[in-house]
């Protein structure tokens, strides 16, 4: 506030500054702001949906989020994101340098960021957030995902596939970052064969383990077990 007040004071004609000391100018400015505070807040609240929409659209155009989970055995996650248990899961080493490529302590991109779960939406003025932090907040209903995200510029993608509503941007990762491939409980023999063939075809993936998610015999749980290949 002090900087803005000084700037506005310096911009008025010299004769006014000669008749009105800066201390008085600042006091009058504060009084005027207090009088108009309800009006200013109403105007800000009215523009918030537009600001949020513009921010989200610009984010979609420029940045990509690589979303990961801590839990490989979540029934809901397999249902939502792996073709209802018919797909497969890539298990990465979270300690690998590839997931910690920030260039400074203030770098927002190229490293793991934990998603925050809360009941309230992000601040209407977004003043509680810095950088991409606003894109790290989700409803508490999704807390079971235990999600982490990595943000990267879409321009860094190695391959782009057209799609609706957005194209798919694929990024390369070092083979050493991959620890295992976990086949879904309903994955077909063809899917398993394709995964095994892809891993065996690359010497750089010889360390990667093949596992399978199997329903527990007595509980609504998944067991992650080594797959016999």
C-alpha atoms as a PDB file:
ATOM      1  CA  UNK A   1       0.000   0.000   0.000  1.00  0.00           C
ATOM      2  CA  UNK A   2       2.817   2.416   0.888  1.00  0.00           C
ATOM      3  CA  UNK A   3       4.473   2.012  -2.519  1.00  0.00           C
ATOM      4  CA  UNK A   4       1.209   2.614  -4.389  1.00  0.00           C
ATOM      5  CA  UNK A   5       0.405   5.656  -2.245  1.00  0.00           C
ATOM      6  CA  UNK A   6       3.834   7.172  -2.885  1.00  0.00           C
ATOM      7  CA  UNK A   7       3.544   6.557  -6.622  1.00  0.00           C
ATOM      8  CA  UNK A   8       0.123   8.207  -6.800  1.00  0.00           C
ATOM      9  CA  UNK A   9       1.374  11.163  -4.729  1.00  0.00           C
ATOM     10  CA  UNK A  10       4.352  11.682  -7.030  1.00  0.00           C
ATOM     11  CA  UNK A  11       2.005  11.735 -10.034  1.00  0.00           C
ATOM     12  CA  UNK A  12      -0.140  14.690  -8.864  1.00  0.00           C
ATOM     13  CA  UNK A  13       0.737  18.271  -9.899  1.00  0.00           C
ATOM     14  CA  UNK A  14       3.477  19.997  -7.917  1.00  0.00           C
ATOM     15  CA  UNK A  15       1.139  22.726  -6.653  1.00  0.00           C
ATOM     16  CA  UNK A  16      -1.103  20.134  -4.981  1.00  0.00           C
ATOM     17  CA  UNK A  17       1.888  18.432  -3.366  1.00  0.00           C
ATOM     18  CA  UNK A  18       3.041  21.802  -2.094  1.00  0.00           C
ATOM     19  CA  UNK A  19      -0.319  22.384  -0.400  1.00  0.00           C
ATOM     20  CA  UNK A  20      -0.793  18.818   0.892  1.00  0.00           C
ATOM     21  CA  UNK A  21       1.952  16.905   2.742  1.00  0.00           C
ATOM     22  CA  UNK A  22       2.429  13.238   1.832  1.00  0.00           C
ATOM     23  CA  UNK A  23       1.250  12.100   5.299  1.00  0.00           C
ATOM     24  CA  UNK A  24      -2.124  13.783   4.738  1.00  0.00           C
ATOM     25  CA  UNK A  25      -2.362  12.362   1.212  1.00  0.00           C
ATOM     26  CA  UNK A  26      -1.763   8.826   2.494  1.00  0.00           C
ATOM     27  CA  UNK A  27      -4.350   9.242   5.264  1.00  0.00           C
ATOM     28  CA  UNK A  28      -7.012  10.451   2.805  1.00  0.00           C
ATOM     29  CA  UNK A  29      -6.188   7.618   0.416  1.00  0.00           C
ATOM     30  CA  UNK A  30      -6.635   5.004   3.150  1.00  0.00           C
ATOM     31  CA  UNK A  31      -9.951   6.551   4.199  1.00  0.00           C
ATOM     32  CA  UNK A  32     -11.198   6.475   0.603  1.00  0.00           C
ATOM     33  CA  UNK A  33     -10.174   2.838   0.208  1.00  0.00           C
ATOM     34  CA  UNK A  34     -12.047   1.885   3.384  1.00  0.00           C
ATOM     35  CA  UNK A  35     -15.183   3.664   2.172  1.00  0.00           C
ATOM     36  CA  UNK A  36     -15.070   1.853  -1.178  1.00  0.00           C
ATOM     37  CA  UNK A  37     -13.992  -1.528   0.201  1.00  0.00           C
ATOM     38  CA  UNK A  38     -17.436  -3.234  -0.170  1.00  0.00           C
ATOM     39  CA  UNK A  39     -17.708  -1.968  -3.744  1.00  0.00           C
ATOM     40  CA  UNK A  40     -14.202  -3.156  -4.633  1.00  0.00           C
ATOM     41  CA  UNK A  41     -14.759  -6.594  -3.097  1.00  0.00           C
ATOM     42  CA  UNK A  42     -18.045  -6.996  -4.974  1.00  0.00           C
ATOM     43  CA  UNK A  43     -16.334  -6.122  -8.248  1.00  0.00           C
ATOM     44  CA  UNK A  44     -13.520  -8.576  -7.537  1.00  0.00           C
ATOM     45  CA  UNK A  45     -15.909 -11.393  -6.682  1.00  0.00           C
ATOM     46  CA  UNK A  46     -17.810 -10.729  -9.882  1.00  0.00           C
ATOM     47  CA  UNK A  47     -14.704 -11.188 -12.010  1.00  0.00           C
ATOM     48  CA  UNK A  48     -13.331 -14.206 -10.159  1.00  0.00           C
ATOM     49  CA  UNK A  49     -15.067 -16.883 -12.327  1.00  0.00           C
ATOM     50  CA  UNK A  50     -13.703 -15.200 -15.452  1.00  0.00           C
ATOM     51  CA  UNK A  51     -10.204 -14.985 -14.005  1.00  0.00           C
ATOM     52  CA  UNK A  52     -10.342 -18.627 -12.948  1.00  0.00           C
ATOM     53  CA  UNK A  53     -11.589 -19.685 -16.382  1.00  0.00           C
ATOM     54  CA  UNK A  54      -8.881 -17.721 -18.182  1.00  0.00           C
ATOM     55  CA  UNK A  55      -6.201 -19.132 -15.888  1.00  0.00           C
ATOM     56  CA  UNK A  56      -7.356 -22.704 -16.460  1.00  0.00           C
ATOM     57  CA  UNK A  57      -7.569 -22.292 -20.238  1.00  0.00           C
ATOM     58  CA  UNK A  58      -4.111 -20.757 -20.436  1.00  0.00           C
ATOM     59  CA  UNK A  59      -2.778 -23.560 -18.237  1.00  0.00           C
ATOM     60  CA  UNK A  60      -4.266 -26.161 -20.595  1.00  0.00           C
ATOM     61  CA  UNK A  61      -2.653 -24.466 -23.593  1.00  0.00           C
ATOM     62  CA  UNK A  62       0.855 -24.163 -22.175  1.00  0.00           C
ATOM     63  CA  UNK A  63       1.427 -26.647 -19.363  1.00  0.00           C
ATOM     64  CA  UNK A  64       0.977 -30.347 -18.840  1.00  0.00           C
ATOM     65  CA  UNK A  65       0.544 -32.186 -15.554  1.00  0.00           C
ATOM     66  CA  UNK A  66       1.979 -35.680 -15.117  1.00  0.00           C
ATOM     67  CA  UNK A  67      -0.225 -37.244 -12.434  1.00  0.00           C
ATOM     68  CA  UNK A  68       1.009 -40.089 -10.237  1.00  0.00           C
ATOM     69  CA  UNK A  69      -0.270 -41.982  -7.218  1.00  0.00           C
ATOM     70  CA  UNK A  70       1.382 -43.476  -4.142  1.00  0.00           C
ATOM     71  CA  UNK A  71      -1.014 -46.441  -4.102  1.00  0.00           C
ATOM     72  CA  UNK A  72      -0.675 -49.202  -6.727  1.00  0.00           C
ATOM     73  CA  UNK A  73      -3.406 -51.335  -5.128  1.00  0.00           C
ATOM     74  CA  UNK A  74      -6.360 -48.918  -5.078  1.00  0.00           C
ATOM     75  CA  UNK A  75      -9.525 -50.580  -6.388  1.00  0.00           C
ATOM     76  CA  UNK A  76     -11.006 -47.229  -7.407  1.00  0.00           C
ATOM     77  CA  UNK A  77      -7.868 -46.046  -9.180  1.00  0.00           C
ATOM     78  CA  UNK A  78      -7.719 -49.224 -11.234  1.00  0.00           C
ATOM     79  CA  UNK A  79     -11.415 -48.827 -12.088  1.00  0.00           C
ATOM     80  CA  UNK A  80     -11.094 -45.180 -13.119  1.00  0.00           C
ATOM     81  CA  UNK A  81      -7.780 -45.073 -14.938  1.00  0.00           C
ATOM     82  CA  UNK A  82      -6.882 -48.562 -16.175  1.00  0.00           C
ATOM     83  CA  UNK A  83      -9.863 -49.647 -18.259  1.00  0.00           C
ATOM     84  CA  UNK A  84     -11.607 -51.180 -15.267  1.00  0.00           C
ATOM     85  CA  UNK A  85      -8.641 -53.373 -14.284  1.00  0.00           C
ATOM     86  CA  UNK A  86      -8.019 -54.459 -17.908  1.00  0.00           C
ATOM     87  CA  UNK A  87      -5.003 -52.196 -18.421  1.00  0.00           C
ATOM     88  CA  UNK A  88      -1.640 -51.947 -16.711  1.00  0.00           C
ATOM     89  CA  UNK A  89       0.262 -49.652 -14.368  1.00  0.00           C
ATOM     90  CA  UNK A  90       3.786 -48.236 -14.610  1.00  0.00           C
ATOM     91  CA  UNK A  91       5.603 -48.192 -11.268  1.00  0.00           C
ATOM     92  CA  UNK A  92       8.342 -45.544 -11.109  1.00  0.00           C
ATOM     93  CA  UNK A  93      11.165 -44.942  -8.649  1.00  0.00           C
ATOM     94  CA  UNK A  94      10.142 -41.655  -6.999  1.00  0.00           C
ATOM     95  CA  UNK A  95      13.748 -41.092  -5.896  1.00  0.00           C
ATOM     96  CA  UNK A  96      15.071 -41.114  -9.460  1.00  0.00           C
ATOM     97  CA  UNK A  97      16.718 -37.818 -10.535  1.00  0.00           C
ATOM     98  CA  UNK A  98      14.239 -37.559 -13.426  1.00  0.00           C
ATOM     99  CA  UNK A  99      11.538 -36.630 -10.926  1.00  0.00           C
ATOM    100  CA  UNK A 100      13.677 -34.000  -9.220  1.00  0.00           C
ATOM    101  CA  UNK A 101      14.881 -31.792 -12.067  1.00  0.00           C
ATOM    102  CA  UNK A 102      14.035 -28.418 -10.560  1.00  0.00           C
ATOM    103  CA  UNK A 103      16.589 -25.786 -11.562  1.00  0.00           C
ATOM    104  CA  UNK A 104      16.325 -23.707  -8.406  1.00  0.00           C
ATOM    105  CA  UNK A 105      14.586 -23.661  -5.033  1.00  0.00           C
ATOM    106  CA  UNK A 106      11.809 -21.560  -6.611  1.00  0.00           C
ATOM    107  CA  UNK A 107      11.339 -23.686  -9.735  1.00  0.00           C
ATOM    108  CA  UNK A 108       7.681 -24.730 -10.174  1.00  0.00           C
ATOM    109  CA  UNK A 109       8.340 -27.354 -12.837  1.00  0.00           C
ATOM    110  CA  UNK A 110      10.031 -30.696 -13.529  1.00  0.00           C
ATOM    111  CA  UNK A 111       9.778 -32.107 -10.007  1.00  0.00           C
ATOM    112  CA  UNK A 112       7.267 -33.951  -7.836  1.00  0.00           C
ATOM    113  CA  UNK A 113       4.619 -31.815  -6.127  1.00  0.00           C
ATOM    114  CA  UNK A 114       2.168 -33.246  -3.606  1.00  0.00           C
ATOM    115  CA  UNK A 115      -1.538 -32.600  -4.248  1.00  0.00           C
ATOM    116  CA  UNK A 116      -3.389 -30.899  -1.384  1.00  0.00           C
ATOM    117  CA  UNK A 117      -6.875 -32.143  -0.479  1.00  0.00           C
ATOM    118  CA  UNK A 118      -9.306 -29.749   1.180  1.00  0.00           C
ATOM    119  CA  UNK A 119     -13.001 -28.949   1.398  1.00  0.00           C
ATOM    120  CA  UNK A 120     -12.840 -25.290   0.325  1.00  0.00           C
ATOM    121  CA  UNK A 121     -12.065 -24.190  -3.208  1.00  0.00           C
ATOM    122  CA  UNK A 122      -8.915 -22.116  -3.810  1.00  0.00           C
ATOM    123  CA  UNK A 123      -9.066 -18.517  -2.601  1.00  0.00           C
ATOM    124  CA  UNK A 124     -11.358 -16.297  -4.677  1.00  0.00           C
ATOM    125  CA  UNK A 125      -8.510 -13.832  -5.168  1.00  0.00           C
ATOM    126  CA  UNK A 126      -5.893 -16.593  -5.603  1.00  0.00           C
ATOM    127  CA  UNK A 127      -3.726 -14.603  -3.216  1.00  0.00           C
ATOM    128  CA  UNK A 128      -3.058 -17.643  -1.044  1.00  0.00           C
ATOM    129  CA  UNK A 129      -1.258 -19.401  -3.876  1.00  0.00           C
ATOM    130  CA  UNK A 130       1.996 -18.905  -5.723  1.00  0.00           C
ATOM    131  CA  UNK A 131       2.904 -20.148  -9.203  1.00  0.00           C
ATOM    132  CA  UNK A 132       1.090 -23.382 -10.048  1.00  0.00           C
ATOM    133  CA  UNK A 133       0.026 -24.084  -6.447  1.00  0.00           C
ATOM    134  CA  UNK A 134      -3.607 -23.412  -7.360  1.00  0.00           C
ATOM    135  CA  UNK A 135      -3.420 -26.474  -9.651  1.00  0.00           C
ATOM    136  CA  UNK A 136      -2.343 -28.673  -6.749  1.00  0.00           C
ATOM    137  CA  UNK A 137      -5.639 -28.413  -4.857  1.00  0.00           C
ATOM    138  CA  UNK A 138      -8.425 -31.006  -5.127  1.00  0.00           C
ATOM    139  CA  UNK A 139     -11.585 -31.822  -3.226  1.00  0.00           C
ATOM    140  CA  UNK A 140     -11.190 -34.022  -0.171  1.00  0.00           C
ATOM    141  CA  UNK A 141     -13.372 -36.597  -1.950  1.00  0.00           C
ATOM    142  CA  UNK A 142     -10.308 -37.506  -4.027  1.00  0.00           C
ATOM    143  CA  UNK A 143      -7.929 -37.943  -1.092  1.00  0.00           C
ATOM    144  CA  UNK A 144      -7.824 -41.715  -1.611  1.00  0.00           C
ATOM    145  CA  UNK A 145      -5.752 -41.086  -4.768  1.00  0.00           C
ATOM    146  CA  UNK A 146      -2.758 -39.766  -2.771  1.00  0.00           C
ATOM    147  CA  UNK A 147      -1.704 -37.932  -5.888  1.00  0.00           C
ATOM    148  CA  UNK A 148       1.519 -36.197  -6.877  1.00  0.00           C
ATOM    149  CA  UNK A 149       2.014 -34.057  -9.974  1.00  0.00           C
ATOM    150  CA  UNK A 150       4.870 -32.875 -12.139  1.00  0.00           C
ATOM    151  CA  UNK A 151       4.335 -29.825 -14.340  1.00  0.00           C
ATOM    152  CA  UNK A 152       6.171 -29.433 -17.641  1.00  0.00           C
ATOM    153  CA  UNK A 153       5.802 -27.144 -20.638  1.00  0.00           C
ATOM    154  CA  UNK A 154       3.804 -28.906 -23.357  1.00  0.00           C
ATOM    155  CA  UNK A 155       6.371 -27.645 -25.846  1.00  0.00           C
ATOM    156  CA  UNK A 156       8.833 -30.152 -24.313  1.00  0.00           C
ATOM    157  CA  UNK A 157       6.687 -33.162 -25.309  1.00  0.00           C
ATOM    158  CA  UNK A 158       8.417 -35.781 -27.460  1.00  0.00           C
ATOM    159  CA  UNK A 159       5.235 -36.893 -29.254  1.00  0.00           C
ATOM    160  CA  UNK A 160       1.812 -35.242 -29.644  1.00  0.00           C
ATOM    161  CA  UNK A 161      -1.286 -37.219 -30.641  1.00  0.00           C
ATOM    162  CA  UNK A 162      -4.387 -35.287 -31.795  1.00  0.00           C
ATOM    163  CA  UNK A 163      -7.404 -35.761 -29.569  1.00  0.00           C
ATOM    164  CA  UNK A 164     -10.611 -34.239 -28.197  1.00  0.00           C
ATOM    165  CA  UNK A 165     -10.951 -32.065 -26.179  1.00  0.00           C
ATOM    166  CA  UNK A 166      -7.150 -31.883 -25.918  1.00  0.00           C
ATOM    167  CA  UNK A 167      -4.291 -33.575 -27.759  1.00  0.00           C
ATOM    168  CA  UNK A 168      -2.197 -36.096 -25.845  1.00  0.00           C
ATOM    169  CA  UNK A 169       1.357 -34.954 -25.099  1.00  0.00           C
ATOM    170  CA  UNK A 170       3.835 -37.742 -24.351  1.00  0.00           C
ATOM    171  CA  UNK A 171       7.142 -37.088 -22.587  1.00  0.00           C
ATOM    172  CA  UNK A 172      10.200 -39.316 -22.543  1.00  0.00           C
ATOM    173  CA  UNK A 173      11.537 -40.747 -19.299  1.00  0.00           C
ATOM    174  CA  UNK A 174      14.801 -42.625 -18.703  1.00  0.00           C
ATOM    175  CA  UNK A 175      14.371 -46.430 -18.636  1.00  0.00           C
ATOM    176  CA  UNK A 176      16.177 -46.531 -15.287  1.00  0.00           C
ATOM    177  CA  UNK A 177      13.271 -44.594 -13.715  1.00  0.00           C
ATOM    178  CA  UNK A 178      10.865 -47.496 -14.346  1.00  0.00           C
ATOM    179  CA  UNK A 179      10.781 -50.200 -11.664  1.00  0.00           C
ATOM    180  CA  UNK A 180       7.864 -52.431 -12.643  1.00  0.00           C
ATOM    181  CA  UNK A 181       4.828 -52.916 -14.837  1.00  0.00           C
ATOM    182  CA  UNK A 182       1.752 -54.148 -12.967  1.00  0.00           C
ATOM    183  CA  UNK A 183      -0.879 -55.920 -15.054  1.00  0.00           C
ATOM    184  CA  UNK A 184      -4.511 -55.369 -14.110  1.00  0.00           C
ATOM    185  CA  UNK A 185      -6.611 -58.144 -12.607  1.00  0.00           C
ATOM    186  CA  UNK A 186      -8.671 -58.297 -15.824  1.00  0.00           C
ATOM    187  CA  UNK A 187      -5.857 -57.701 -18.309  1.00  0.00           C
ATOM    188  CA  UNK A 188      -5.975 -60.040 -21.287  1.00  0.00           C
ATOM    189  CA  UNK A 189      -3.331 -62.503 -22.409  1.00  0.00           C
ATOM    190  CA  UNK A 190      -2.724 -60.252 -25.418  1.00  0.00           C
ATOM    191  CA  UNK A 191      -2.050 -57.239 -23.183  1.00  0.00           C
ATOM    192  CA  UNK A 192       0.323 -59.243 -20.999  1.00  0.00           C
ATOM    193  CA  UNK A 193       2.157 -60.580 -24.056  1.00  0.00           C
ATOM    194  CA  UNK A 194       2.558 -57.077 -25.520  1.00  0.00           C
ATOM    195  CA  UNK A 195       3.959 -55.719 -22.251  1.00  0.00           C
ATOM    196  CA  UNK A 196       6.397 -58.606 -21.850  1.00  0.00           C
ATOM    197  CA  UNK A 197       7.537 -58.312 -25.467  1.00  0.00           C
ATOM    198  CA  UNK A 198       8.157 -54.563 -25.118  1.00  0.00           C
ATOM    199  CA  UNK A 199      10.269 -55.062 -21.994  1.00  0.00           C
ATOM    200  CA  UNK A 200      12.274 -57.974 -23.371  1.00  0.00           C
ATOM    201  CA  UNK A 201      12.976 -56.033 -26.571  1.00  0.00           C
ATOM    202  CA  UNK A 202      15.054 -53.430 -24.713  1.00  0.00           C
ATOM    203  CA  UNK A 203      18.222 -54.227 -22.785  1.00  0.00           C
ATOM    204  CA  UNK A 204      17.695 -50.971 -20.873  1.00  0.00           C
ATOM    205  CA  UNK A 205      14.498 -52.437 -19.389  1.00  0.00           C
ATOM    206  CA  UNK A 206      15.973 -55.758 -18.274  1.00  0.00           C
ATOM    207  CA  UNK A 207      15.671 -54.680 -14.620  1.00  0.00           C
ATOM    208  CA  UNK A 208      11.916 -54.009 -14.874  1.00  0.00           C
ATOM    209  CA  UNK A 209       9.736 -56.487 -12.989  1.00  0.00           C
ATOM    210  CA  UNK A 210       6.397 -57.800 -14.240  1.00  0.00           C
ATOM    211  CA  UNK A 211       3.732 -57.956 -11.553  1.00  0.00           C
ATOM    212  CA  UNK A 212      -0.015 -58.501 -11.458  1.00  0.00           C
ATOM    213  CA  UNK A 213      -2.859 -57.115  -9.360  1.00  0.00           C
ATOM    214  CA  UNK A 214      -5.002 -59.953  -8.008  1.00  0.00           C
ATOM    215  CA  UNK A 215      -8.260 -59.644  -6.024  1.00  0.00           C
ATOM    216  CA  UNK A 216      -7.904 -60.801  -2.421  1.00  0.00           C
ATOM    217  CA  UNK A 217      -9.787 -64.027  -1.723  1.00  0.00           C
ATOM    218  CA  UNK A 218     -11.570 -62.767   1.400  1.00  0.00           C
ATOM    219  CA  UNK A 219     -11.443 -58.949   1.366  1.00  0.00           C
ATOM    220  CA  UNK A 220     -12.194 -56.128  -1.070  1.00  0.00           C
ATOM    221  CA  UNK A 221      -8.494 -55.609  -1.680  1.00  0.00           C
ATOM    222  CA  UNK A 222      -5.919 -56.062  -4.403  1.00  0.00           C
ATOM    223  CA  UNK A 223      -2.715 -57.982  -3.859  1.00  0.00           C
ATOM    224  CA  UNK A 224       0.276 -57.014  -6.013  1.00  0.00           C
ATOM    225  CA  UNK A 225       2.196 -60.205  -6.794  1.00  0.00           C
ATOM    226  CA  UNK A 226       5.074 -61.229  -9.055  1.00  0.00           C
ATOM    227  CA  UNK A 227       3.743 -62.538 -12.345  1.00  0.00           C
ATOM    228  CA  UNK A 228       4.982 -65.847 -13.716  1.00  0.00           C
ATOM    229  CA  UNK A 229       6.351 -65.221 -17.203  1.00  0.00           C
END
